[in-house]
N, C-alpha and C. Protein backbone atom coordinates (compact mmCIF):
# COMPACT_ATOMS: atom_id res chain seq x y z
N UNK A 1 40.67 138.47 114.08
CA UNK A 1 41.86 137.64 114.21
C UNK A 1 41.42 136.19 114.33
N UNK A 2 42.10 135.32 113.61
CA UNK A 2 41.81 133.89 113.65
C UNK A 2 42.36 133.29 114.94
N UNK A 3 41.56 132.45 115.61
CA UNK A 3 41.93 131.85 116.88
C UNK A 3 43.18 130.98 116.72
N UNK A 4 44.10 131.11 117.68
CA UNK A 4 45.28 130.26 117.74
C UNK A 4 45.80 130.24 119.16
N UNK A 5 46.62 129.27 119.45
CA UNK A 5 47.38 129.18 120.69
C UNK A 5 48.84 129.07 120.28
N UNK A 6 49.71 129.93 120.81
CA UNK A 6 51.12 129.87 120.43
C UNK A 6 51.74 128.50 120.71
N UNK A 7 52.65 128.11 119.87
CA UNK A 7 53.42 126.87 119.99
C UNK A 7 52.63 125.61 119.68
N UNK A 8 51.39 125.74 119.20
CA UNK A 8 50.63 124.55 118.79
C UNK A 8 50.75 124.43 117.27
N UNK A 9 50.56 123.20 116.77
CA UNK A 9 50.79 122.98 115.34
C UNK A 9 49.51 122.81 114.52
N UNK A 10 48.36 122.66 115.18
CA UNK A 10 47.11 122.53 114.44
C UNK A 10 45.94 122.91 115.35
N UNK A 11 44.74 123.09 114.80
CA UNK A 11 43.59 123.51 115.61
C UNK A 11 43.22 122.53 116.72
N UNK A 12 43.39 121.24 116.49
CA UNK A 12 43.05 120.27 117.54
C UNK A 12 43.98 120.44 118.73
N UNK A 13 45.26 120.57 118.48
CA UNK A 13 46.20 120.77 119.58
C UNK A 13 45.93 122.10 120.28
N UNK A 14 45.60 123.13 119.52
CA UNK A 14 45.28 124.43 120.12
C UNK A 14 44.08 124.31 121.06
N UNK A 15 43.05 123.59 120.64
CA UNK A 15 41.88 123.39 121.49
C UNK A 15 42.22 122.61 122.74
N UNK A 16 43.06 121.60 122.60
CA UNK A 16 43.44 120.80 123.77
C UNK A 16 44.17 121.66 124.79
N UNK A 17 45.11 122.48 124.34
CA UNK A 17 45.85 123.35 125.25
C UNK A 17 44.91 124.36 125.87
N UNK A 18 44.07 124.99 125.05
CA UNK A 18 43.11 125.99 125.54
C UNK A 18 42.21 125.39 126.63
N UNK A 19 41.66 124.21 126.36
CA UNK A 19 40.77 123.56 127.33
C UNK A 19 41.51 123.11 128.58
N UNK A 20 42.75 122.68 128.43
CA UNK A 20 43.55 122.25 129.59
C UNK A 20 43.84 123.44 130.51
N UNK A 21 44.22 124.57 129.92
CA UNK A 21 44.49 125.77 130.73
C UNK A 21 43.20 126.27 131.37
N UNK A 22 42.10 126.26 130.61
CA UNK A 22 40.81 126.69 131.16
C UNK A 22 40.42 125.82 132.36
N UNK A 23 40.63 124.53 132.25
CA UNK A 23 40.31 123.62 133.35
C UNK A 23 41.15 123.96 134.59
N UNK A 24 42.41 124.27 134.38
CA UNK A 24 43.29 124.63 135.50
C UNK A 24 42.82 125.92 136.17
N UNK A 25 42.46 126.92 135.38
CA UNK A 25 42.01 128.19 135.94
C UNK A 25 40.66 128.01 136.64
N UNK A 26 39.77 127.21 136.07
CA UNK A 26 38.48 126.93 136.73
C UNK A 26 38.70 126.22 138.07
N UNK A 27 39.72 125.37 138.15
CA UNK A 27 39.99 124.65 139.40
C UNK A 27 40.40 125.60 140.52
N UNK A 28 40.78 126.83 140.16
CA UNK A 28 41.13 127.84 141.16
C UNK A 28 39.88 128.57 141.66
N UNK A 29 38.71 128.19 141.11
CA UNK A 29 37.46 128.77 141.58
C UNK A 29 36.90 129.88 140.71
N UNK A 30 37.46 130.08 139.54
CA UNK A 30 36.98 131.15 138.66
C UNK A 30 35.93 130.62 137.70
N UNK A 31 35.00 131.50 137.32
CA UNK A 31 33.89 131.16 136.43
C UNK A 31 34.18 131.74 135.05
N UNK A 32 34.92 131.02 134.23
CA UNK A 32 35.35 131.54 132.94
C UNK A 32 34.21 131.59 131.95
N UNK A 33 34.23 132.63 131.12
CA UNK A 33 33.24 132.83 130.07
C UNK A 33 33.76 132.23 128.78
N UNK A 34 32.89 132.06 127.80
CA UNK A 34 33.28 131.40 126.55
C UNK A 34 33.96 132.33 125.55
N UNK A 35 33.99 133.64 125.81
CA UNK A 35 34.62 134.58 124.89
C UNK A 35 36.09 134.23 124.71
N UNK A 36 36.56 134.25 123.48
CA UNK A 36 37.97 134.01 123.19
C UNK A 36 38.64 135.36 123.00
N UNK A 37 39.54 135.69 123.91
CA UNK A 37 40.16 137.01 123.96
C UNK A 37 41.52 136.97 123.24
N UNK A 38 41.72 137.93 122.35
CA UNK A 38 42.99 138.05 121.63
C UNK A 38 43.93 139.03 122.32
N UNK A 39 43.38 140.16 122.78
CA UNK A 39 44.22 141.22 123.34
C UNK A 39 43.45 142.00 124.39
N UNK A 40 44.13 142.39 125.46
CA UNK A 40 43.55 143.25 126.48
C UNK A 40 44.57 144.34 126.82
N UNK A 41 44.08 145.57 126.88
CA UNK A 41 44.91 146.70 127.28
C UNK A 41 44.31 147.24 128.57
N UNK A 42 45.16 147.39 129.58
CA UNK A 42 44.67 147.83 130.89
C UNK A 42 45.71 148.69 131.58
N UNK A 43 45.24 149.41 132.59
CA UNK A 43 46.12 150.27 133.38
C UNK A 43 46.54 149.54 134.64
N UNK A 44 47.83 149.63 134.94
CA UNK A 44 48.39 149.12 136.18
C UNK A 44 49.09 150.30 136.82
N UNK A 45 48.38 151.01 137.69
CA UNK A 45 48.91 152.26 138.24
C UNK A 45 48.95 153.30 137.13
N UNK A 46 50.11 153.90 136.92
CA UNK A 46 50.27 154.88 135.84
C UNK A 46 50.68 154.24 134.52
N UNK A 47 50.91 152.95 134.52
CA UNK A 47 51.42 152.24 133.35
C UNK A 47 50.29 151.64 132.52
N UNK A 48 50.34 151.79 131.20
CA UNK A 48 49.40 151.16 130.30
C UNK A 48 50.02 149.85 129.82
N UNK A 49 49.34 148.72 130.08
CA UNK A 49 49.86 147.40 129.76
C UNK A 49 49.04 146.80 128.63
N UNK A 50 49.71 146.27 127.62
CA UNK A 50 49.05 145.60 126.51
C UNK A 50 49.48 144.15 126.49
N UNK A 51 48.52 143.24 126.61
CA UNK A 51 48.81 141.80 126.61
C UNK A 51 48.10 141.18 125.41
N UNK A 52 48.86 140.52 124.53
CA UNK A 52 48.34 139.95 123.30
C UNK A 52 48.76 138.49 123.18
N UNK A 53 47.81 137.61 122.84
CA UNK A 53 48.13 136.20 122.66
C UNK A 53 49.21 136.07 121.58
N UNK A 54 50.28 135.35 121.92
CA UNK A 54 51.37 135.12 120.99
C UNK A 54 52.50 136.13 121.10
N UNK A 55 52.29 137.19 121.86
CA UNK A 55 53.32 138.23 122.02
C UNK A 55 53.93 138.15 123.42
N UNK A 56 55.05 138.83 123.59
CA UNK A 56 55.70 138.86 124.90
C UNK A 56 54.82 139.59 125.90
N UNK A 57 54.66 138.98 127.05
CA UNK A 57 53.87 139.56 128.13
C UNK A 57 54.69 140.61 128.87
N UNK A 58 54.02 141.35 129.71
CA UNK A 58 54.70 142.32 130.58
C UNK A 58 55.71 141.61 131.48
N UNK A 59 55.49 140.31 131.76
CA UNK A 59 56.42 139.56 132.62
C UNK A 59 57.56 138.91 131.82
N UNK A 60 57.60 139.14 130.49
CA UNK A 60 58.68 138.62 129.66
C UNK A 60 58.39 137.29 128.99
N UNK A 61 57.34 136.61 129.38
CA UNK A 61 56.97 135.33 128.77
C UNK A 61 55.94 135.57 127.67
N UNK A 62 55.72 134.57 126.84
CA UNK A 62 54.72 134.67 125.77
C UNK A 62 53.33 134.45 126.35
N UNK A 63 52.38 135.28 125.95
CA UNK A 63 50.98 135.11 126.37
C UNK A 63 50.41 133.91 125.62
N UNK A 64 49.96 132.90 126.36
CA UNK A 64 49.41 131.68 125.77
C UNK A 64 47.92 131.85 125.52
N UNK A 65 47.19 132.39 126.48
CA UNK A 65 45.76 132.61 126.32
C UNK A 65 45.29 133.66 127.32
N UNK A 66 44.13 134.23 127.03
CA UNK A 66 43.50 135.21 127.92
C UNK A 66 42.06 134.77 128.12
N UNK A 67 41.62 134.72 129.37
CA UNK A 67 40.26 134.32 129.70
C UNK A 67 39.50 135.48 130.33
N UNK A 68 38.19 135.42 130.22
CA UNK A 68 37.30 136.41 130.82
C UNK A 68 36.54 135.75 131.96
N UNK A 69 36.36 136.49 133.04
CA UNK A 69 35.65 136.02 134.23
C UNK A 69 34.73 137.14 134.69
N UNK A 70 34.01 136.92 135.77
CA UNK A 70 33.12 137.94 136.32
C UNK A 70 33.86 139.15 136.87
N UNK A 71 35.14 138.99 137.21
CA UNK A 71 35.88 140.10 137.82
C UNK A 71 36.86 140.78 136.88
N UNK A 72 37.15 140.15 135.73
CA UNK A 72 38.08 140.74 134.78
C UNK A 72 38.64 139.73 133.81
N UNK A 73 39.86 139.99 133.36
CA UNK A 73 40.53 139.16 132.38
C UNK A 73 41.77 138.52 132.99
N UNK A 74 42.00 137.25 132.68
CA UNK A 74 43.15 136.51 133.18
C UNK A 74 44.13 136.28 132.04
N UNK A 75 45.31 136.85 132.15
CA UNK A 75 46.37 136.68 131.16
C UNK A 75 47.24 135.51 131.61
N UNK A 76 47.32 134.48 130.76
CA UNK A 76 48.05 133.27 131.11
C UNK A 76 49.33 133.13 130.30
N UNK A 77 50.43 133.01 131.03
CA UNK A 77 51.72 132.69 130.44
C UNK A 77 52.19 131.38 131.07
N UNK A 78 53.30 130.86 130.61
CA UNK A 78 53.78 129.56 131.08
C UNK A 78 53.80 129.46 132.60
N UNK A 79 54.44 130.41 133.27
CA UNK A 79 54.57 130.31 134.73
C UNK A 79 53.51 131.11 135.49
N UNK A 80 52.59 131.68 134.78
CA UNK A 80 51.49 132.43 135.40
C UNK A 80 50.17 131.93 134.84
N UNK A 81 49.76 130.74 135.27
CA UNK A 81 48.46 130.20 134.89
C UNK A 81 48.49 128.96 134.04
N UNK A 82 49.47 128.80 133.15
CA UNK A 82 49.47 127.64 132.27
C UNK A 82 49.97 126.40 132.99
N UNK A 83 51.15 126.45 133.58
CA UNK A 83 51.73 125.29 134.24
C UNK A 83 51.66 125.42 135.76
N UNK A 84 51.94 126.58 136.30
CA UNK A 84 51.85 126.82 137.72
C UNK A 84 51.56 128.29 137.94
N UNK A 85 51.37 128.65 139.17
CA UNK A 85 51.11 130.04 139.51
C UNK A 85 49.74 130.53 139.09
N UNK A 86 49.44 131.73 139.53
CA UNK A 86 48.17 132.38 139.20
C UNK A 86 48.35 133.21 137.93
N UNK A 87 47.30 133.29 137.11
CA UNK A 87 47.39 134.18 135.94
C UNK A 87 47.38 135.64 136.39
N UNK A 88 47.82 136.52 135.50
CA UNK A 88 47.78 137.95 135.77
C UNK A 88 46.34 138.43 135.60
N UNK A 89 45.82 139.14 136.58
CA UNK A 89 44.44 139.62 136.54
C UNK A 89 44.40 141.08 136.12
N UNK A 90 43.57 141.37 135.14
CA UNK A 90 43.25 142.74 134.75
C UNK A 90 41.78 142.95 135.09
N UNK A 91 41.53 143.65 136.19
CA UNK A 91 40.14 143.89 136.61
C UNK A 91 39.42 144.78 135.62
N UNK A 92 38.10 144.61 135.53
CA UNK A 92 37.30 145.41 134.60
C UNK A 92 37.53 146.90 134.78
N UNK A 93 37.73 147.34 136.02
CA UNK A 93 37.93 148.77 136.29
C UNK A 93 39.25 149.28 135.73
N UNK A 94 40.19 148.38 135.41
CA UNK A 94 41.49 148.76 134.87
C UNK A 94 41.55 148.69 133.35
N UNK A 95 40.58 148.01 132.74
CA UNK A 95 40.64 147.70 131.31
C UNK A 95 40.29 148.91 130.45
N UNK A 96 41.15 149.15 129.45
CA UNK A 96 40.94 150.22 128.47
C UNK A 96 40.27 149.69 127.21
N UNK A 97 40.73 148.52 126.73
CA UNK A 97 40.13 147.94 125.53
C UNK A 97 40.40 146.44 125.47
N UNK A 98 39.54 145.75 124.70
CA UNK A 98 39.64 144.30 124.53
C UNK A 98 39.38 143.97 123.06
N UNK A 99 40.20 143.08 122.51
CA UNK A 99 39.98 142.56 121.16
C UNK A 99 39.71 141.07 121.28
N UNK A 100 38.75 140.59 120.52
CA UNK A 100 38.35 139.19 120.56
C UNK A 100 38.80 138.47 119.30
N UNK A 101 38.99 137.16 119.41
CA UNK A 101 39.16 136.34 118.22
C UNK A 101 37.82 136.31 117.50
N UNK A 102 37.83 136.22 116.18
CA UNK A 102 36.59 136.12 115.41
C UNK A 102 35.89 134.81 115.74
N UNK A 103 34.61 134.89 116.06
CA UNK A 103 33.86 133.68 116.40
C UNK A 103 33.85 132.67 115.26
N UNK A 104 33.81 133.16 114.02
CA UNK A 104 33.79 132.26 112.87
C UNK A 104 35.10 131.47 112.74
N UNK A 105 36.16 131.96 113.34
CA UNK A 105 37.46 131.31 113.22
C UNK A 105 37.76 130.35 114.37
N UNK A 106 36.83 130.21 115.31
CA UNK A 106 37.01 129.24 116.39
C UNK A 106 36.59 127.89 115.81
N UNK A 107 37.57 127.08 115.50
CA UNK A 107 37.34 125.87 114.73
C UNK A 107 36.57 124.81 115.51
N UNK A 108 36.95 124.57 116.75
CA UNK A 108 36.37 123.47 117.51
C UNK A 108 35.72 123.94 118.80
N UNK A 109 34.97 125.01 118.76
CA UNK A 109 34.35 125.55 119.96
C UNK A 109 33.54 124.47 120.67
N UNK A 110 33.79 124.30 121.97
CA UNK A 110 33.08 123.28 122.75
C UNK A 110 33.40 121.88 122.28
N UNK A 111 34.62 121.64 121.85
CA UNK A 111 34.96 120.39 121.16
C UNK A 111 35.53 119.30 122.06
N UNK A 112 35.44 119.45 123.37
CA UNK A 112 36.05 118.43 124.23
C UNK A 112 35.55 117.01 123.91
N UNK A 113 34.23 116.76 123.69
CA UNK A 113 33.83 115.40 123.31
C UNK A 113 34.49 114.95 122.00
N UNK A 114 34.60 115.87 121.04
CA UNK A 114 35.27 115.55 119.78
C UNK A 114 36.73 115.21 120.03
N UNK A 115 37.38 115.98 120.87
CA UNK A 115 38.79 115.75 121.15
C UNK A 115 39.00 114.39 121.81
N UNK A 116 38.08 114.03 122.71
CA UNK A 116 38.20 112.73 123.36
C UNK A 116 38.00 111.61 122.35
N UNK A 117 37.11 111.83 121.38
CA UNK A 117 36.83 110.81 120.38
C UNK A 117 38.00 110.59 119.43
N UNK A 118 38.88 111.57 119.29
CA UNK A 118 40.01 111.42 118.37
C UNK A 118 41.11 110.55 118.95
N UNK A 119 41.06 110.29 120.25
CA UNK A 119 42.05 109.44 120.93
C UNK A 119 43.48 109.91 120.71
N UNK A 120 43.65 111.22 120.84
CA UNK A 120 44.99 111.80 120.74
C UNK A 120 45.80 111.41 121.96
N UNK A 121 47.10 111.31 121.83
CA UNK A 121 47.91 111.00 123.01
C UNK A 121 47.83 112.12 124.02
N UNK A 122 47.97 111.82 125.31
CA UNK A 122 47.87 112.87 126.33
C UNK A 122 49.01 113.88 126.21
N UNK A 123 48.75 115.07 126.72
CA UNK A 123 49.81 116.08 126.79
C UNK A 123 50.86 115.62 127.78
N UNK A 124 52.06 116.11 127.66
CA UNK A 124 53.16 115.69 128.50
C UNK A 124 52.89 115.89 129.99
N UNK A 125 52.07 116.90 130.36
CA UNK A 125 51.82 117.21 131.76
C UNK A 125 50.93 116.17 132.44
N UNK A 126 50.30 115.30 131.69
CA UNK A 126 49.40 114.31 132.29
C UNK A 126 50.16 113.20 132.97
């Protein structure tokens, strides 16, 4: 699957949003990995939950991004990780399967210096 962030219009904007959300989640004390996650399926009690970037989350919002950490996967939606609140955690012990974005399709991996050099206007949240 080619890397994307829902509601963005080009790869540069997608990278900016991805990096902004990652920075917010890291500020909560998590050690995020560089893997770009497309989909995670996990068990929550007796329920099997499937969270996919760009699709409706179990909480009814669109999944914006999914991050990997030492303890599991963080599913980020608008009110759970992107703008406020904590992301939904799927611990490794709960995970059934994970799909990744293709590494070849990550256009600007590690591109924060590039993004700063483009002098794009700040996101509205700044």
